[in-house]
Amino acid sequence: MLCVKPTEDKKLKSEILGRVRTAGDKPDVLTAVENGCLLGYAALDPVGSELRLADFSITSCKDPENPTAEDMEIAEYLVRAAGNYAYNRLMSTLSYDSLAYKALLKRFRFAEINNKLTLDIKVLFKKCENCSNNH
């Protein structure tokens, strides 16, 4: 079963965060793991009301410009988990400023502004249109 959560593996966290520039004082790493196999990760850098994706990776993704359905599924879990992480810390925006996964992340409605992708996390958690207003 796929599990996406902040990693408890201190060595992996240190390794991933050691490769990226962070500006916040409490960076973290979300990992997508299934049957003990790392499928992807998002290095998180909280800065003010913004959660910066300092690094983003899908292990099996050979071409982020043309991801497979499986790559997109893993990416969706990571993006939604990052949005939830941000929401629980009263942040309103996700951002990404690298080129590597730009095309893939745009599929989740990240908007490009001055070579930086941003997403208002409300987009990830809007109310279901099929749900009744009585609930």
C-alpha atoms as a PDB file:
ATOM      1  CA  MET A   1       0.000   0.000   0.000  1.00  0.00           C
ATOM      2  CA  LEU A   2       1.286   3.453  -0.933  1.00  0.00           C
ATOM      3  CA  CYS A   3       2.086   5.672   2.036  1.00  0.00           C
ATOM      4  CA  VAL A   4       2.927   9.382   1.726  1.00  0.00           C
ATOM      5  CA  LYS A   5       4.099  11.130   4.875  1.00  0.00           C
ATOM      6  CA  PRO A   6       7.044  13.046   6.330  1.00  0.00           C
ATOM      7  CA  THR A   7       9.952  10.627   6.371  1.00  0.00           C
ATOM      8  CA  GLU A   8      11.183   9.189   9.635  1.00  0.00           C
ATOM      9  CA  ASP A   9      14.442   8.097   7.954  1.00  0.00           C
ATOM     10  CA  LYS A  10      16.874  10.738   9.231  1.00  0.00           C
ATOM     11  CA  LYS A  11      19.649   9.640   6.858  1.00  0.00           C
ATOM     12  CA  LEU A  12      17.401   9.939   3.785  1.00  0.00           C
ATOM     13  CA  LYS A  13      16.044  13.291   4.979  1.00  0.00           C
ATOM     14  CA  SER A  14      19.564  14.630   5.515  1.00  0.00           C
ATOM     15  CA  GLU A  15      20.693  13.322   2.120  1.00  0.00           C
ATOM     16  CA  ILE A  16      17.784  14.958   0.245  1.00  0.00           C
ATOM     17  CA  LEU A  17      17.914  18.259   2.131  1.00  0.00           C
ATOM     18  CA  GLY A  18      21.701  18.356   1.706  1.00  0.00           C
ATOM     19  CA  ARG A  19      21.230  18.639  -2.074  1.00  0.00           C
ATOM     20  CA  VAL A  20      18.891  21.639  -2.015  1.00  0.00           C
ATOM     21  CA  ARG A  21      18.859  25.265  -0.950  1.00  0.00           C
ATOM     22  CA  THR A  22      16.383  25.990   1.825  1.00  0.00           C
ATOM     23  CA  ALA A  23      15.377  29.361   3.250  1.00  0.00           C
ATOM     24  CA  GLY A  24      13.019  28.298   6.041  1.00  0.00           C
ATOM     25  CA  ASP A  25      14.120  27.126   9.449  1.00  0.00           C
ATOM     26  CA  LYS A  26      12.173  23.807   9.468  1.00  0.00           C
ATOM     27  CA  PRO A  27      12.563  22.002   6.138  1.00  0.00           C
ATOM     28  CA  ASP A  28      11.077  18.521   5.851  1.00  0.00           C
ATOM     29  CA  VAL A  29      10.782  15.689   3.337  1.00  0.00           C
ATOM     30  CA  LEU A  30       7.598  13.907   2.282  1.00  0.00           C
ATOM     31  CA  THR A  31       8.186  10.451   0.861  1.00  0.00           C
ATOM     32  CA  ALA A  32       5.956   8.185  -1.196  1.00  0.00           C
ATOM     33  CA  VAL A  33       6.797   4.609  -0.210  1.00  0.00           C
ATOM     34  CA  GLU A  34       5.200   1.335  -1.244  1.00  0.00           C
ATOM     35  CA  ASN A  35       6.331  -2.050   0.095  1.00  0.00           C
ATOM     36  CA  GLY A  36       9.534  -0.464   1.380  1.00  0.00           C
ATOM     37  CA  CYS A  37      10.404   1.044  -2.021  1.00  0.00           C
ATOM     38  CA  LEU A  38      10.833   4.822  -2.385  1.00  0.00           C
ATOM     39  CA  LEU A  39       8.620   5.953  -5.281  1.00  0.00           C
ATOM     40  CA  GLY A  40       9.165   9.689  -4.921  1.00  0.00           C
ATOM     41  CA  TYR A  41       9.651  12.592  -2.581  1.00  0.00           C
ATOM     42  CA  ALA A  42       9.048  16.285  -2.066  1.00  0.00           C
ATOM     43  CA  ALA A  43      11.570  18.367  -0.112  1.00  0.00           C
ATOM     44  CA  LEU A  44       9.545  21.004   1.737  1.00  0.00           C
ATOM     45  CA  ASP A  45      10.799  24.455   2.667  1.00  0.00           C
ATOM     46  CA  PRO A  46       8.226  26.456   4.676  1.00  0.00           C
ATOM     47  CA  VAL A  47       8.753  30.216   4.296  1.00  0.00           C
ATOM     48  CA  GLY A  48       6.059  32.486   5.735  1.00  0.00           C
ATOM     49  CA  SER A  49       2.692  31.602   4.200  1.00  0.00           C
ATOM     50  CA  GLU A  50       4.323  29.673   1.350  1.00  0.00           C
ATOM     51  CA  LEU A  51       5.458  26.057   1.236  1.00  0.00           C
ATOM     52  CA  ARG A  52       8.273  25.874  -1.283  1.00  0.00           C
ATOM     53  CA  LEU A  53       8.920  22.549  -2.982  1.00  0.00           C
ATOM     54  CA  ALA A  54      12.711  22.775  -2.775  1.00  0.00           C
ATOM     55  CA  ASP A  55      12.991  19.483  -4.653  1.00  0.00           C
ATOM     56  CA  PHE A  56      10.476  17.119  -6.198  1.00  0.00           C
ATOM     57  CA  SER A  57      11.172  13.684  -7.634  1.00  0.00           C
ATOM     58  CA  ILE A  58       9.313  10.651  -8.944  1.00  0.00           C
ATOM     59  CA  THR A  59      11.804   7.777  -8.898  1.00  0.00           C
ATOM     60  CA  SER A  60      10.477   5.972 -11.989  1.00  0.00           C
ATOM     61  CA  CYS A  61       9.767   9.101 -14.058  1.00  0.00           C
ATOM     62  CA  LYS A  62      12.076   9.026 -17.055  1.00  0.00           C
ATOM     63  CA  ASP A  63      10.506  12.036 -18.795  1.00  0.00           C
ATOM     64  CA  PRO A  64       8.713  14.634 -16.620  1.00  0.00           C
ATOM     65  CA  GLU A  65       7.480  16.301 -19.834  1.00  0.00           C
ATOM     66  CA  ASN A  66       5.553  13.100 -20.672  1.00  0.00           C
ATOM     67  CA  PRO A  67       4.849  11.272 -17.400  1.00  0.00           C
ATOM     68  CA  THR A  68       3.144   7.891 -17.325  1.00  0.00           C
ATOM     69  CA  ALA A  69      -0.179   7.382 -15.566  1.00  0.00           C
ATOM     70  CA  GLU A  70       1.721   5.808 -12.654  1.00  0.00           C
ATOM     71  CA  ASP A  71       4.069   8.818 -12.462  1.00  0.00           C
ATOM     72  CA  MET A  72       1.048  11.133 -12.371  1.00  0.00           C
ATOM     73  CA  GLU A  73      -0.594   9.087  -9.616  1.00  0.00           C
ATOM     74  CA  ILE A  74       2.515   9.301  -7.419  1.00  0.00           C
ATOM     75  CA  ALA A  75       2.858  13.013  -8.217  1.00  0.00           C
ATOM     76  CA  GLU A  76      -0.769  13.619  -7.256  1.00  0.00           C
ATOM     77  CA  TYR A  77      -0.301  11.915  -3.902  1.00  0.00           C
ATOM     78  CA  LEU A  78       2.816  13.996  -3.223  1.00  0.00           C
ATOM     79  CA  VAL A  79       1.255  17.304  -4.328  1.00  0.00           C
ATOM     80  CA  ARG A  80      -1.893  16.715  -2.264  1.00  0.00           C
ATOM     81  CA  ALA A  81       0.165  15.645   0.761  1.00  0.00           C
ATOM     82  CA  ALA A  82       2.292  18.797   0.391  1.00  0.00           C
ATOM     83  CA  GLY A  83      -0.906  20.852   0.173  1.00  0.00           C
ATOM     84  CA  ASN A  84      -2.227  19.185   3.318  1.00  0.00           C
ATOM     85  CA  TYR A  85       1.102  19.787   5.072  1.00  0.00           C
ATOM     86  CA  ALA A  86       0.864  23.479   4.118  1.00  0.00           C
ATOM     87  CA  TYR A  87      -2.802  23.753   5.136  1.00  0.00           C
ATOM     88  CA  ASN A  88      -2.119  22.244   8.567  1.00  0.00           C
ATOM     89  CA  ARG A  89       0.557  24.903   9.113  1.00  0.00           C
ATOM     90  CA  LEU A  90      -1.699  27.793   7.991  1.00  0.00           C
ATOM     91  CA  MET A  91       0.140  28.304   4.698  1.00  0.00           C
ATOM     92  CA  SER A  92      -1.815  29.236   1.603  1.00  0.00           C
ATOM     93  CA  THR A  93       0.518  28.573  -1.324  1.00  0.00           C
ATOM     94  CA  LEU A  94       2.746  25.881  -2.781  1.00  0.00           C
ATOM     95  CA  SER A  95       5.633  26.998  -4.990  1.00  0.00           C
ATOM     96  CA  TYR A  96       8.307  25.399  -7.155  1.00  0.00           C
ATOM     97  CA  ASP A  97      11.120  27.221  -8.915  1.00  0.00           C
ATOM     98  CA  SER A  98      13.088  24.457 -10.654  1.00  0.00           C
ATOM     99  CA  LEU A  99      12.664  23.379 -14.259  1.00  0.00           C
ATOM    100  CA  ALA A 100      12.835  19.602 -13.751  1.00  0.00           C
ATOM    101  CA  TYR A 101       9.154  18.875 -12.999  1.00  0.00           C
ATOM    102  CA  LYS A 102       7.656  22.130 -14.263  1.00  0.00           C
ATOM    103  CA  ALA A 103       5.539  20.533 -17.024  1.00  0.00           C
ATOM    104  CA  LEU A 104       4.270  17.808 -14.709  1.00  0.00           C
ATOM    105  CA  LEU A 105       3.316  20.229 -11.927  1.00  0.00           C
ATOM    106  CA  LYS A 106       1.494  22.528 -14.354  1.00  0.00           C
ATOM    107  CA  ARG A 107      -0.961  19.650 -14.832  1.00  0.00           C
ATOM    108  CA  PHE A 108      -2.038  20.259 -11.213  1.00  0.00           C
ATOM    109  CA  ARG A 109      -2.917  23.873 -12.064  1.00  0.00           C
ATOM    110  CA  PHE A 110       0.303  25.448 -10.821  1.00  0.00           C
ATOM    111  CA  ALA A 111       0.522  28.877 -12.488  1.00  0.00           C
ATOM    112  CA  GLU A 112       3.809  30.194 -13.809  1.00  0.00           C
ATOM    113  CA  ILE A 113       4.728  33.693 -12.661  1.00  0.00           C
ATOM    114  CA  ASN A 114       8.242  35.047 -13.267  1.00  0.00           C
ATOM    115  CA  ASN A 115       9.738  31.563 -13.838  1.00  0.00           C
ATOM    116  CA  LYS A 116       8.209  30.287 -10.590  1.00  0.00           C
ATOM    117  CA  LEU A 117       5.241  27.941 -10.289  1.00  0.00           C
ATOM    118  CA  THR A 118       2.660  28.721  -7.624  1.00  0.00           C
ATOM    119  CA  LEU A 119      -0.544  27.049  -6.536  1.00  0.00           C
ATOM    120  CA  ASP A 120      -3.166  28.299  -4.102  1.00  0.00           C
ATOM    121  CA  ILE A 121      -3.799  25.184  -2.010  1.00  0.00           C
ATOM    122  CA  LYS A 122      -7.555  25.853  -2.097  1.00  0.00           C
ATOM    123  CA  VAL A 123      -7.412  24.459  -5.641  1.00  0.00           C
ATOM    124  CA  LEU A 124      -6.428  21.064  -4.217  1.00  0.00           C
ATOM    125  CA  PHE A 125      -9.204  20.905  -1.630  1.00  0.00           C
ATOM    126  CA  LYS A 126     -12.244  22.555  -3.135  1.00  0.00           C
ATOM    127  CA  LYS A 127     -15.644  21.201  -2.188  1.00  0.00           C
ATOM    128  CA  CYS A 128     -16.889  18.347  -4.320  1.00  0.00           C
ATOM    129  CA  GLU A 129     -19.471  19.588  -6.821  1.00  0.00           C
ATOM    130  CA  ASN A 130     -21.461  16.355  -6.390  1.00  0.00           C
ATOM    131  CA  CYS A 131     -21.757  16.780  -2.618  1.00  0.00           C
ATOM    132  CA  SER A 132     -24.940  18.134  -1.113  1.00  0.00           C
ATOM    133  CA  ASN A 133     -24.863  21.470   0.675  1.00  0.00           C
ATOM    134  CA  ASN A 134     -26.767  19.811   3.512  1.00  0.00           C
ATOM    135  CA  HIS A 135     -23.736  17.863   4.813  1.00  0.00           C
END
